[in-house]
């Protein structure tokens, strides 16, 4: 079954409250970041087409870790020896402001 797309507009307004914590380990020569945020999309700001299809409240989390190099590479470039990234988003249903 084919669906006709009349408008691909997904533009909307929202506000987001974010918390970021960073840290550095001298013994591991690594940097880490943790970010958590709450996104609120008031129903009056939401496009009518999104009602019931997109959550008005989201919880985002991210963790990044980078092990920095001890020495520079052959051509003078510096690259992380190791990096890790993990992200999650939870669309909390039925909470519309």
Protein backbone atom coordinates (compact mmCIF):
# COMPACT_ATOMS: atom_id res chain seq x y z
CA UNK A 1 0.00 0.00 0.00
CA UNK A 2 1.50 3.35 -1.03
CA UNK A 3 1.22 6.47 1.11
CA UNK A 4 1.13 9.93 -0.41
CA UNK A 5 3.32 12.41 1.44
CA UNK A 6 1.80 15.87 1.18
CA UNK A 7 4.07 17.69 3.63
CA UNK A 8 7.31 16.61 5.31
CA UNK A 9 7.19 19.46 7.83
CA UNK A 10 8.46 18.34 11.24
CA UNK A 11 9.38 21.82 12.47
CA UNK A 12 8.21 22.44 16.01
CA UNK A 13 9.23 24.35 19.13
CA UNK A 14 10.30 22.80 22.41
CA UNK A 15 12.40 23.60 25.44
CA UNK A 16 15.10 21.45 26.99
CA UNK A 17 16.76 21.43 30.40
CA UNK A 18 20.21 19.83 30.29
CA UNK A 19 22.80 18.65 32.83
CA UNK A 20 26.41 17.89 31.81
CA UNK A 21 29.12 16.38 34.02
CA UNK A 22 32.70 16.04 32.80
CA UNK A 23 35.71 14.34 34.34
CA UNK A 24 39.34 13.51 33.60
CA UNK A 25 41.47 10.61 34.85
CA UNK A 26 45.21 11.35 34.92
CA UNK A 27 46.11 7.70 35.49
CA UNK A 28 44.07 6.52 32.45
CA UNK A 29 44.67 9.73 30.45
CA UNK A 30 40.97 9.69 29.59
CA UNK A 31 38.15 12.21 29.47
CA UNK A 32 34.50 11.34 30.12
CA UNK A 33 31.23 13.23 29.69
CA UNK A 34 27.74 12.41 30.93
CA UNK A 35 24.75 14.36 29.66
CA UNK A 36 21.11 14.06 30.68
CA UNK A 37 18.28 16.28 29.51
CA UNK A 38 14.51 16.59 29.63
CA UNK A 39 12.72 17.89 26.55
CA UNK A 40 9.20 19.30 26.81
CA UNK A 41 6.97 19.97 23.85
CA UNK A 42 3.79 21.76 24.93
CA UNK A 43 0.73 20.50 23.07
CA UNK A 44 -0.14 24.04 21.95
CA UNK A 45 3.30 24.30 20.26
CA UNK A 46 2.97 20.93 18.52
CA UNK A 47 1.79 20.59 14.93
CA UNK A 48 -1.68 19.03 14.78
CA UNK A 49 -0.31 16.20 12.64
CA UNK A 50 2.00 15.14 15.49
CA UNK A 51 -0.71 14.80 18.16
CA UNK A 52 -0.75 11.14 19.20
CA UNK A 53 2.30 10.32 17.06
CA UNK A 54 5.12 12.07 18.91
CA UNK A 55 5.63 12.35 22.64
CA UNK A 56 5.40 15.72 24.32
CA UNK A 57 8.07 14.72 26.84
CA UNK A 58 11.46 13.07 26.18
CA UNK A 59 14.38 12.05 28.37
CA UNK A 60 17.78 12.00 26.62
CA UNK A 61 21.00 10.51 28.05
CA UNK A 62 24.50 10.26 26.61
CA UNK A 63 27.87 8.99 27.82
CA UNK A 64 31.15 9.65 26.02
CA UNK A 65 34.65 8.44 26.99
CA UNK A 66 37.88 9.22 25.16
CA UNK A 67 41.29 7.77 26.01
CA UNK A 68 43.75 10.39 24.83
CA UNK A 69 46.99 9.33 23.07
CA UNK A 70 50.27 9.36 24.95
CA UNK A 71 52.24 10.45 21.87
CA UNK A 72 51.48 11.91 18.46
CA UNK A 73 51.05 9.82 15.33
CA UNK A 74 53.44 9.51 12.37
CA UNK A 75 52.20 12.62 10.58
CA UNK A 76 51.71 14.74 13.67
CA UNK A 77 48.00 13.97 13.96
CA UNK A 78 46.50 13.28 17.35
CA UNK A 79 43.74 10.68 17.52
CA UNK A 80 42.05 9.11 20.49
CA UNK A 81 43.43 5.66 21.33
CA UNK A 82 39.94 4.60 22.36
CA UNK A 83 36.53 6.19 22.35
CA UNK A 84 33.10 5.06 23.49
CA UNK A 85 29.72 6.67 22.91
CA UNK A 86 26.34 5.54 24.19
CA UNK A 87 23.06 7.43 23.80
CA UNK A 88 19.46 6.74 24.76
CA UNK A 89 16.18 8.58 24.27
CA UNK A 90 12.96 7.68 26.05
CA UNK A 91 9.77 9.09 24.52
CA UNK A 92 7.47 9.29 27.54
CA UNK A 93 3.96 8.87 26.19
CA UNK A 94 0.79 10.62 27.33
CA UNK A 95 2.57 13.47 29.11
CA UNK A 96 1.70 16.57 27.14
CA UNK A 97 2.10 19.95 28.73
